[in-house]
Amino acid sequence: EEEKKEEDSDDEAYDMEEYARLGIVQEEDPSEYVAPAPEASASAPAAGGQHNILKTRTYDLHITYDKYYQTPRLFLTGYDEARAPLSVDAMYEDFSEDHANKTITVEQHPHIPGTVMATVHPCKHAETMKRLCEAVSEGGKQLEVHLYLIVFLKFMQAIIPTVEYDFTHDITM
C-alpha cells in the first residue's frame, strides 16, 4: 500500500499545451473585468508598462468554525479594482442570484469586533458536505481529512461563482 502512495505522488503534472490543443482551455473569461485603457499622457508608462495589468475585484476570505452548526463558515470582504472596499450591493453583484439575501447575508464577524462582512449561512453546510463526501466514496475514492477545506471551497464557489480560488488539487466526484 505504501508503494501505491509513492506511485500516486509521482504523477506527471498536467500539460497545458495538451489542454489547449484539445480546446479545453478557455482563452477569454466572459466574467473578467477589463479596466478601460487610460488616455495617453506624458506621465503614462511606455508600451508594456503597468497599464497592461488586468485589474479585478478581490475578496478576503475568512473561514471560521460555527459551533452551533458544527461546520466551517465563510465570511467575505470585497474590494474593487482600486482596492477600495465594496458596498454590500456591489458584493451582491458577485454572488449567485439564488443565494444573495437568502443564504448570503451581511453579519457581524464572530472574532473581529465591529466588523460586518458578507457570510454564507452554514445551516445547510453539514448536509451538503456529507453528500459531497458520499459522492466521492461512491466513486470508489476516499476524501482524506486534509482535503475537506478544498472541497468546502469548491462548494462555496457554487454559491459565489465569480470568486475564483487557487486550487492545487483536483477532486473527482
N, C-alpha and C. Protein backbone atom coordinates (compact mmCIF):
# COMPACT_ATOMS: atom_id res chain seq x y z
N GLU A 1 0.83 -1.20 0.00
CA GLU A 1 0.00 0.00 0.00
C GLU A 1 0.88 1.26 0.00
N GLU A 2 1.98 1.22 0.75
CA GLU A 2 2.88 2.38 0.80
C GLU A 2 3.48 2.65 -0.56
N GLU A 3 3.77 1.55 -1.32
CA GLU A 3 4.32 1.70 -2.66
C GLU A 3 3.32 2.39 -3.58
N LYS A 4 2.02 2.07 -3.42
CA LYS A 4 0.97 2.71 -4.23
C LYS A 4 0.91 4.21 -3.96
N LYS A 5 1.05 4.61 -2.68
CA LYS A 5 1.04 6.04 -2.35
C LYS A 5 2.19 6.76 -3.03
N GLU A 6 3.36 6.13 -3.05
CA GLU A 6 4.52 6.75 -3.70
C GLU A 6 4.26 6.92 -5.19
N GLU A 7 3.63 5.88 -5.81
CA GLU A 7 3.32 5.98 -7.24
C GLU A 7 2.36 7.13 -7.51
N ASP A 8 1.34 7.30 -6.66
CA ASP A 8 0.37 8.37 -6.84
C ASP A 8 1.02 9.74 -6.77
N SER A 9 2.01 9.91 -5.90
CA SER A 9 2.62 11.22 -5.73
C SER A 9 3.58 11.55 -6.87
N ASP A 10 3.93 10.53 -7.69
CA ASP A 10 4.86 10.76 -8.79
C ASP A 10 4.14 11.05 -10.11
N ASP A 11 2.81 11.26 -10.05
CA ASP A 11 2.06 11.56 -11.27
C ASP A 11 2.62 12.80 -11.94
N GLU A 12 2.60 12.78 -13.28
CA GLU A 12 3.07 13.94 -14.02
C GLU A 12 2.10 15.10 -13.90
N ALA A 13 2.63 16.30 -13.96
CA ALA A 13 1.78 17.49 -13.94
C ALA A 13 1.01 17.56 -15.26
N TYR A 14 -0.15 18.21 -15.21
CA TYR A 14 -0.95 18.35 -16.42
C TYR A 14 -0.22 19.23 -17.42
N ASP A 15 -0.32 18.85 -18.69
CA ASP A 15 0.31 19.59 -19.76
C ASP A 15 -0.71 20.56 -20.34
N MET A 16 -0.54 21.86 -20.08
CA MET A 16 -1.49 22.87 -20.54
C MET A 16 -1.54 22.96 -22.06
N GLU A 17 -0.43 22.66 -22.73
CA GLU A 17 -0.44 22.68 -24.19
C GLU A 17 -1.39 21.61 -24.73
N GLU A 18 -1.45 20.45 -24.05
CA GLU A 18 -2.37 19.39 -24.47
C GLU A 18 -3.82 19.85 -24.30
N TYR A 19 -4.11 20.53 -23.18
CA TYR A 19 -5.45 21.07 -22.96
C TYR A 19 -5.79 22.09 -24.05
N ALA A 20 -4.85 22.95 -24.40
CA ALA A 20 -5.09 23.95 -25.43
C ALA A 20 -5.34 23.28 -26.78
N ARG A 21 -4.56 22.23 -27.08
CA ARG A 21 -4.73 21.51 -28.34
C ARG A 21 -6.11 20.86 -28.42
N LEU A 22 -6.62 20.37 -27.29
CA LEU A 22 -7.93 19.73 -27.27
C LEU A 22 -9.08 20.74 -27.18
N GLY A 23 -8.74 22.02 -27.02
CA GLY A 23 -9.76 23.06 -26.94
C GLY A 23 -10.42 23.17 -25.58
N ILE A 24 -9.77 22.64 -24.53
CA ILE A 24 -10.33 22.67 -23.19
C ILE A 24 -10.07 24.00 -22.50
N VAL A 25 -8.96 24.63 -22.84
CA VAL A 25 -8.58 25.89 -22.19
C VAL A 25 -9.44 27.02 -22.71
N GLN A 26 -10.02 27.78 -21.78
CA GLN A 26 -10.85 28.92 -22.16
C GLN A 26 -9.93 30.14 -22.22
N GLU A 27 -9.76 30.68 -23.41
CA GLU A 27 -8.83 31.79 -23.60
C GLU A 27 -9.32 33.08 -22.95
N GLU A 28 -10.61 33.36 -23.07
CA GLU A 28 -11.15 34.59 -22.51
C GLU A 28 -12.24 34.25 -21.51
N ASP A 29 -12.20 34.89 -20.36
CA ASP A 29 -13.18 34.69 -19.31
C ASP A 29 -14.26 35.77 -19.48
N PRO A 30 -15.50 35.40 -19.78
CA PRO A 30 -16.54 36.40 -20.02
C PRO A 30 -16.90 37.21 -18.77
N SER A 31 -16.57 36.71 -17.58
CA SER A 31 -16.89 37.45 -16.36
C SER A 31 -15.74 38.34 -15.91
N GLU A 32 -14.68 38.36 -16.68
CA GLU A 32 -13.49 39.11 -16.31
C GLU A 32 -13.70 40.60 -16.55
N TYR A 33 -13.32 41.42 -15.57
CA TYR A 33 -13.43 42.87 -15.71
C TYR A 33 -12.15 43.39 -16.35
N VAL A 34 -12.30 44.16 -17.41
CA VAL A 34 -11.14 44.76 -18.06
C VAL A 34 -11.26 46.27 -17.88
N ALA A 35 -10.30 46.85 -17.17
CA ALA A 35 -10.32 48.29 -16.92
C ALA A 35 -10.15 49.02 -18.24
N PRO A 36 -10.89 50.13 -18.43
CA PRO A 36 -10.73 50.88 -19.68
C PRO A 36 -9.32 51.43 -19.78
N ALA A 37 -8.82 51.46 -20.99
CA ALA A 37 -7.46 51.96 -21.21
C ALA A 37 -7.41 53.45 -20.89
N PRO A 38 -6.42 53.87 -20.11
CA PRO A 38 -6.31 55.30 -19.78
C PRO A 38 -5.87 56.10 -21.01
N GLU A 39 -6.22 57.37 -20.99
CA GLU A 39 -5.80 58.22 -22.09
C GLU A 39 -4.30 58.44 -22.00
N ALA A 40 -3.66 58.54 -23.16
CA ALA A 40 -2.21 58.74 -23.20
C ALA A 40 -1.86 60.08 -22.59
N SER A 41 -0.79 60.08 -21.81
CA SER A 41 -0.30 61.33 -21.23
C SER A 41 1.20 61.25 -21.12
N ALA A 42 1.80 62.36 -20.83
CA ALA A 42 3.26 62.41 -20.71
C ALA A 42 3.74 61.56 -19.54
N SER A 43 2.90 61.40 -18.51
CA SER A 43 3.32 60.63 -17.34
C SER A 43 2.99 59.14 -17.45
N ALA A 44 2.30 58.75 -18.54
CA ALA A 44 1.92 57.34 -18.70
C ALA A 44 3.15 56.50 -19.00
N PRO A 45 3.20 55.28 -18.48
CA PRO A 45 4.34 54.41 -18.76
C PRO A 45 4.41 54.05 -20.24
N ALA A 46 5.58 53.69 -20.66
CA ALA A 46 5.79 53.30 -22.06
C ALA A 46 5.04 52.00 -22.34
N ALA A 47 4.96 51.64 -23.62
CA ALA A 47 4.28 50.41 -24.02
C ALA A 47 4.83 49.24 -23.21
N GLY A 48 3.94 48.37 -22.76
CA GLY A 48 4.37 47.24 -21.94
C GLY A 48 4.44 47.61 -20.47
N GLY A 49 4.00 48.82 -20.11
CA GLY A 49 4.04 49.27 -18.72
C GLY A 49 2.87 48.72 -17.93
N GLN A 50 2.58 49.31 -16.80
CA GLN A 50 1.58 48.81 -15.88
C GLN A 50 0.16 48.91 -16.42
N HIS A 51 -0.08 49.65 -17.48
CA HIS A 51 -1.44 49.77 -17.99
C HIS A 51 -1.93 48.48 -18.62
N ASN A 52 -1.06 47.52 -18.83
CA ASN A 52 -1.46 46.24 -19.40
C ASN A 52 -1.91 45.25 -18.33
N ILE A 53 -1.88 45.64 -17.08
CA ILE A 53 -2.28 44.76 -15.99
C ILE A 53 -3.80 44.75 -15.88
N LEU A 54 -4.37 43.56 -15.84
CA LEU A 54 -5.81 43.39 -15.71
C LEU A 54 -6.18 43.58 -14.24
N LYS A 55 -7.02 44.55 -13.96
CA LYS A 55 -7.44 44.83 -12.60
C LYS A 55 -8.77 44.13 -12.34
N THR A 56 -8.88 43.47 -11.21
CA THR A 56 -10.09 42.72 -10.88
C THR A 56 -10.51 43.02 -9.45
N ARG A 57 -11.74 42.69 -9.16
CA ARG A 57 -12.21 42.74 -7.77
C ARG A 57 -11.53 41.62 -7.01
N THR A 58 -11.28 41.84 -5.75
CA THR A 58 -10.67 40.80 -4.91
C THR A 58 -11.48 40.64 -3.64
N TYR A 59 -11.31 39.52 -3.00
CA TYR A 59 -12.01 39.23 -1.74
C TYR A 59 -11.04 38.65 -0.73
N ASP A 60 -11.20 39.08 0.51
CA ASP A 60 -10.54 38.43 1.63
C ASP A 60 -11.52 37.39 2.15
N LEU A 61 -11.06 36.15 2.29
CA LEU A 61 -11.91 35.07 2.79
C LEU A 61 -11.52 34.75 4.22
N HIS A 62 -12.50 34.68 5.09
CA HIS A 62 -12.28 34.30 6.48
C HIS A 62 -13.08 33.03 6.72
N ILE A 63 -12.40 31.94 7.01
CA ILE A 63 -13.09 30.69 7.32
C ILE A 63 -13.05 30.52 8.84
N THR A 64 -14.23 30.45 9.42
CA THR A 64 -14.33 30.26 10.86
C THR A 64 -15.05 28.92 11.10
N TYR A 65 -15.15 28.55 12.35
CA TYR A 65 -15.89 27.34 12.69
C TYR A 65 -17.14 27.75 13.44
N ASP A 66 -18.29 27.36 12.92
CA ASP A 66 -19.56 27.67 13.55
C ASP A 66 -19.88 26.57 14.56
N LYS A 67 -19.85 26.91 15.84
CA LYS A 67 -20.06 25.90 16.89
C LYS A 67 -21.49 25.37 16.88
N TYR A 68 -22.45 26.21 16.58
CA TYR A 68 -23.84 25.75 16.59
C TYR A 68 -24.08 24.70 15.51
N TYR A 69 -23.66 24.99 14.27
CA TYR A 69 -23.88 24.07 13.16
C TYR A 69 -22.74 23.06 13.02
N GLN A 70 -21.67 23.25 13.76
CA GLN A 70 -20.51 22.37 13.76
C GLN A 70 -19.96 22.15 12.35
N THR A 71 -19.69 23.26 11.69
CA THR A 71 -19.21 23.22 10.31
C THR A 71 -18.42 24.49 10.02
N PRO A 72 -17.59 24.48 8.98
CA PRO A 72 -16.90 25.73 8.60
C PRO A 72 -17.91 26.77 8.14
N ARG A 73 -17.54 28.04 8.29
CA ARG A 73 -18.39 29.14 7.83
C ARG A 73 -17.51 30.16 7.14
N LEU A 74 -17.96 30.65 6.00
CA LEU A 74 -17.18 31.58 5.19
C LEU A 74 -17.69 33.01 5.36
N PHE A 75 -16.76 33.93 5.66
CA PHE A 75 -17.04 35.37 5.68
C PHE A 75 -16.18 36.01 4.60
N LEU A 76 -16.73 37.04 3.92
CA LEU A 76 -16.02 37.68 2.81
C LEU A 76 -16.03 39.20 2.94
N THR A 77 -14.92 39.80 2.56
CA THR A 77 -14.83 41.25 2.43
C THR A 77 -14.34 41.52 1.01
N GLY A 78 -15.09 42.33 0.25
CA GLY A 78 -14.75 42.58 -1.14
C GLY A 78 -14.09 43.93 -1.35
N TYR A 79 -13.26 43.99 -2.38
CA TYR A 79 -12.56 45.23 -2.76
C TYR A 79 -12.70 45.42 -4.26
N ASP A 80 -12.83 46.68 -4.68
CA ASP A 80 -12.94 46.95 -6.11
C ASP A 80 -11.56 46.93 -6.76
N GLU A 81 -11.52 47.30 -8.03
CA GLU A 81 -10.28 47.24 -8.80
C GLU A 81 -9.19 48.16 -8.25
N ALA A 82 -9.57 49.18 -7.49
CA ALA A 82 -8.60 50.11 -6.90
C ALA A 82 -8.33 49.77 -5.43
N ARG A 83 -8.80 48.59 -4.98
CA ARG A 83 -8.63 48.09 -3.60
C ARG A 83 -9.45 48.88 -2.59
N ALA A 84 -10.48 49.58 -3.03
CA ALA A 84 -11.40 50.25 -2.11
C ALA A 84 -12.48 49.24 -1.72
N PRO A 85 -12.92 49.26 -0.45
CA PRO A 85 -13.95 48.30 -0.03
C PRO A 85 -15.22 48.41 -0.87
N LEU A 86 -15.80 47.26 -1.19
CA LEU A 86 -17.05 47.22 -1.96
C LEU A 86 -18.23 47.46 -1.03
N SER A 87 -19.26 48.09 -1.57
CA SER A 87 -20.52 48.22 -0.83
C SER A 87 -21.20 46.86 -0.81
N VAL A 88 -22.18 46.71 0.06
CA VAL A 88 -22.93 45.45 0.14
C VAL A 88 -23.57 45.15 -1.21
N ASP A 89 -24.19 46.16 -1.83
CA ASP A 89 -24.85 45.96 -3.13
C ASP A 89 -23.85 45.51 -4.20
N ALA A 90 -22.65 46.09 -4.18
CA ALA A 90 -21.62 45.71 -5.16
C ALA A 90 -21.17 44.27 -4.93
N MET A 91 -21.06 43.85 -3.67
CA MET A 91 -20.68 42.46 -3.40
C MET A 91 -21.76 41.51 -3.88
N TYR A 92 -23.04 41.87 -3.69
CA TYR A 92 -24.14 41.01 -4.13
C TYR A 92 -24.12 40.78 -5.63
N GLU A 93 -23.51 41.69 -6.41
CA GLU A 93 -23.37 41.50 -7.85
C GLU A 93 -22.52 40.27 -8.16
N ASP A 94 -21.59 39.93 -7.26
CA ASP A 94 -20.69 38.80 -7.48
C ASP A 94 -21.25 37.48 -6.98
N PHE A 95 -22.38 37.51 -6.29
CA PHE A 95 -22.95 36.31 -5.70
C PHE A 95 -24.07 35.77 -6.59
N SER A 96 -24.30 34.49 -6.51
CA SER A 96 -25.39 33.85 -7.24
C SER A 96 -26.72 34.49 -6.83
N GLU A 97 -27.56 34.83 -7.80
CA GLU A 97 -28.85 35.45 -7.50
C GLU A 97 -29.72 34.56 -6.63
N ASP A 98 -29.56 33.25 -6.78
CA ASP A 98 -30.34 32.31 -5.98
C ASP A 98 -29.98 32.37 -4.50
N HIS A 99 -28.78 32.87 -4.18
CA HIS A 99 -28.31 32.86 -2.80
C HIS A 99 -28.21 34.25 -2.17
N ALA A 100 -28.08 35.31 -2.97
CA ALA A 100 -27.95 36.67 -2.43
C ALA A 100 -29.19 37.02 -1.61
N ASN A 101 -28.97 37.58 -0.43
CA ASN A 101 -30.03 37.96 0.51
C ASN A 101 -30.84 36.77 1.03
N LYS A 102 -30.41 35.56 0.75
CA LYS A 102 -31.08 34.37 1.28
C LYS A 102 -30.09 33.62 2.15
N THR A 103 -29.17 32.88 1.51
CA THR A 103 -28.15 32.19 2.30
C THR A 103 -26.90 33.05 2.45
N ILE A 104 -26.75 34.08 1.62
CA ILE A 104 -25.65 35.03 1.79
C ILE A 104 -26.24 36.29 2.39
N THR A 105 -25.78 36.61 3.59
CA THR A 105 -26.26 37.79 4.29
C THR A 105 -25.06 38.57 4.82
N VAL A 106 -25.33 39.74 5.36
CA VAL A 106 -24.27 40.55 5.96
C VAL A 106 -24.45 40.47 7.47
N GLU A 107 -23.39 40.03 8.16
CA GLU A 107 -23.45 39.83 9.60
C GLU A 107 -22.15 40.25 10.27
N GLN A 108 -22.21 40.36 11.57
CA GLN A 108 -21.05 40.67 12.40
C GLN A 108 -20.09 39.48 12.36
N HIS A 109 -18.80 39.74 12.14
CA HIS A 109 -17.80 38.67 12.18
C HIS A 109 -17.65 38.22 13.63
N PRO A 110 -17.62 36.92 13.89
CA PRO A 110 -17.61 36.45 15.28
C PRO A 110 -16.31 36.70 16.04
N HIS A 111 -15.21 36.95 15.34
CA HIS A 111 -13.92 37.09 16.01
C HIS A 111 -13.25 38.44 15.79
N ILE A 112 -13.84 39.30 14.99
CA ILE A 112 -13.27 40.63 14.74
C ILE A 112 -14.33 41.65 15.12
N PRO A 113 -14.27 42.17 16.34
CA PRO A 113 -15.31 43.11 16.81
C PRO A 113 -15.47 44.32 15.88
N GLY A 114 -16.73 44.70 15.67
CA GLY A 114 -17.03 45.87 14.85
C GLY A 114 -16.89 45.66 13.37
N THR A 115 -16.69 44.42 12.94
CA THR A 115 -16.51 44.13 11.51
C THR A 115 -17.73 43.40 10.97
N VAL A 116 -18.36 44.00 9.98
CA VAL A 116 -19.53 43.39 9.34
C VAL A 116 -19.07 42.88 7.97
N MET A 117 -19.41 41.63 7.66
CA MET A 117 -18.98 41.01 6.40
C MET A 117 -20.12 40.20 5.80
N ALA A 118 -20.00 39.96 4.50
CA ALA A 118 -20.92 39.02 3.85
C ALA A 118 -20.55 37.63 4.33
N THR A 119 -21.56 36.80 4.55
CA THR A 119 -21.31 35.44 5.02
C THR A 119 -22.30 34.48 4.39
N VAL A 120 -21.86 33.26 4.22
CA VAL A 120 -22.72 32.21 3.72
C VAL A 120 -23.24 31.46 4.94
N HIS A 121 -24.56 31.51 5.15
CA HIS A 121 -25.13 30.90 6.34
C HIS A 121 -24.88 29.39 6.33
N PRO A 122 -24.41 28.84 7.45
CA PRO A 122 -23.97 27.44 7.47
C PRO A 122 -25.06 26.39 7.71
N CYS A 123 -26.33 26.76 7.68
CA CYS A 123 -27.40 25.81 8.04
C CYS A 123 -27.41 24.56 7.16
N LYS A 124 -26.99 24.65 5.91
CA LYS A 124 -27.01 23.50 5.00
C LYS A 124 -25.62 22.93 4.72
N HIS A 125 -24.58 23.54 5.30
CA HIS A 125 -23.20 23.11 5.01
C HIS A 125 -22.97 21.65 5.35
N ALA A 126 -23.34 21.22 6.56
CA ALA A 126 -23.05 19.85 7.01
C ALA A 126 -23.72 18.84 6.09
N GLU A 127 -24.99 19.09 5.78
CA GLU A 127 -25.75 18.18 4.90
C GLU A 127 -25.12 18.10 3.51
N THR A 128 -24.75 19.25 2.95
CA THR A 128 -24.17 19.29 1.62
C THR A 128 -22.80 18.65 1.60
N MET A 129 -21.97 18.96 2.61
CA MET A 129 -20.63 18.37 2.66
C MET A 129 -20.72 16.85 2.82
N LYS A 130 -21.69 16.37 3.59
CA LYS A 130 -21.87 14.93 3.75
C LYS A 130 -22.21 14.30 2.40
N ARG A 131 -23.10 14.93 1.64
CA ARG A 131 -23.45 14.41 0.31
C ARG A 131 -22.24 14.40 -0.62
N LEU A 132 -21.41 15.46 -0.55
CA LEU A 132 -20.21 15.51 -1.40
C LEU A 132 -19.23 14.41 -1.02
N CYS A 133 -19.05 14.18 0.28
CA CYS A 133 -18.15 13.11 0.74
C CYS A 133 -18.68 11.74 0.29
N GLU A 134 -19.99 11.55 0.37
CA GLU A 134 -20.60 10.29 -0.07
C GLU A 134 -20.43 10.11 -1.57
N ALA A 135 -20.52 11.19 -2.34
CA ALA A 135 -20.33 11.10 -3.79
C ALA A 135 -18.90 10.67 -4.11
N VAL A 136 -17.94 11.17 -3.36
CA VAL A 136 -16.55 10.75 -3.55
C VAL A 136 -16.42 9.27 -3.23
N SER A 137 -17.03 8.82 -2.13
CA SER A 137 -16.97 7.40 -1.74
C SER A 137 -17.61 6.51 -2.78
N GLU A 138 -18.76 6.94 -3.31
CA GLU A 138 -19.45 6.15 -4.34
C GLU A 138 -18.62 6.04 -5.61
N GLY A 139 -17.74 7.01 -5.83
CA GLY A 139 -16.84 6.98 -6.98
C GLY A 139 -15.63 6.09 -6.73
N GLY A 140 -15.62 5.40 -5.58
CA GLY A 140 -14.52 4.49 -5.29
C GLY A 140 -13.31 5.16 -4.67
N LYS A 141 -13.44 6.39 -4.26
CA LYS A 141 -12.31 7.12 -3.66
C LYS A 141 -12.65 7.44 -2.22
N GLN A 142 -11.65 7.92 -1.52
CA GLN A 142 -11.86 8.32 -0.13
C GLN A 142 -11.39 9.77 0.01
N LEU A 143 -12.25 10.61 0.59
CA LEU A 143 -11.89 12.00 0.81
C LEU A 143 -11.08 12.09 2.09
N GLU A 144 -9.82 12.40 1.95
CA GLU A 144 -8.95 12.49 3.11
C GLU A 144 -9.22 13.80 3.85
N VAL A 145 -9.00 13.76 5.15
CA VAL A 145 -9.32 14.89 6.02
C VAL A 145 -8.66 16.19 5.55
N HIS A 146 -7.42 16.13 5.12
CA HIS A 146 -6.71 17.35 4.72
C HIS A 146 -7.27 17.98 3.45
N LEU A 147 -8.15 17.29 2.74
CA LEU A 147 -8.77 17.85 1.53
C LEU A 147 -10.16 18.41 1.79
N TYR A 148 -10.66 18.29 3.01
CA TYR A 148 -12.01 18.73 3.34
C TYR A 148 -12.22 20.21 3.01
N LEU A 149 -11.28 21.08 3.39
CA LEU A 149 -11.45 22.51 3.12
C LEU A 149 -11.38 22.83 1.62
N ILE A 150 -10.63 22.05 0.86
CA ILE A 150 -10.61 22.26 -0.59
C ILE A 150 -12.01 21.97 -1.15
N VAL A 151 -12.62 20.87 -0.72
CA VAL A 151 -13.97 20.54 -1.18
C VAL A 151 -14.97 21.59 -0.69
N PHE A 152 -14.78 22.07 0.55
CA PHE A 152 -15.64 23.12 1.08
C PHE A 152 -15.56 24.38 0.21
N LEU A 153 -14.37 24.78 -0.20
CA LEU A 153 -14.22 25.97 -1.06
C LEU A 153 -14.85 25.74 -2.43
N LYS A 154 -14.77 24.52 -2.95
CA LYS A 154 -15.43 24.22 -4.23
C LYS A 154 -16.95 24.35 -4.06
N PHE A 155 -17.47 23.91 -2.94
CA PHE A 155 -18.89 24.05 -2.62
C PHE A 155 -19.24 25.54 -2.54
N MET A 156 -18.41 26.34 -1.91
CA MET A 156 -18.66 27.78 -1.80
C MET A 156 -18.63 28.44 -3.17
N GLN A 157 -17.81 27.92 -4.07
CA GLN A 157 -17.72 28.52 -5.40
C GLN A 157 -19.03 28.35 -6.17
N ALA A 158 -19.81 27.34 -5.85
CA ALA A 158 -21.13 27.18 -6.48
C ALA A 158 -22.07 28.29 -6.05
N ILE A 159 -21.88 28.79 -4.83
CA ILE A 159 -22.71 29.86 -4.29
C ILE A 159 -22.20 31.23 -4.73
N ILE A 160 -20.89 31.35 -4.83
CA ILE A 160 -20.24 32.61 -5.21
C ILE A 160 -19.40 32.33 -6.46
N PRO A 161 -20.04 32.18 -7.62
CA PRO A 161 -19.34 31.72 -8.82
C PRO A 161 -18.30 32.66 -9.39
N THR A 162 -18.39 33.95 -9.09
CA THR A 162 -17.41 34.87 -9.68
C THR A 162 -16.13 34.95 -8.87
N VAL A 163 -16.09 34.36 -7.70
CA VAL A 163 -14.87 34.34 -6.88
C VAL A 163 -14.14 33.05 -7.19
N GLU A 164 -12.94 33.19 -7.77
CA GLU A 164 -12.15 32.02 -8.12
C GLU A 164 -11.12 31.77 -7.05
N TYR A 165 -10.94 30.50 -6.71
CA TYR A 165 -9.97 30.11 -5.71
C TYR A 165 -8.81 29.42 -6.41
N ASP A 166 -7.64 29.51 -5.82
CA ASP A 166 -6.47 28.84 -6.37
C ASP A 166 -6.45 27.42 -5.83
N PHE A 167 -6.85 26.45 -6.65
CA PHE A 167 -6.86 25.06 -6.23
C PHE A 167 -5.59 24.38 -6.70
N THR A 168 -5.00 23.64 -5.81
CA THR A 168 -3.82 22.88 -6.17
C THR A 168 -4.13 21.40 -6.25
N HIS A 169 -5.37 21.02 -5.96
CA HIS A 169 -5.79 19.62 -6.01
C HIS A 169 -6.99 19.48 -6.92
N ASP A 170 -7.03 18.37 -7.62
CA ASP A 170 -8.18 18.04 -8.45
C ASP A 170 -9.00 17.01 -7.69
N ILE A 171 -10.22 17.36 -7.32
CA ILE A 171 -11.10 16.44 -6.60
C ILE A 171 -12.11 15.90 -7.59
N THR A 172 -12.13 14.60 -7.77
CA THR A 172 -13.07 13.97 -8.69
C THR A 172 -14.19 13.35 -7.89
N MET A 173 -15.43 13.66 -8.25
CA MET A 173 -16.60 13.12 -7.54
C MET A 173 -17.04 11.82 -8.17
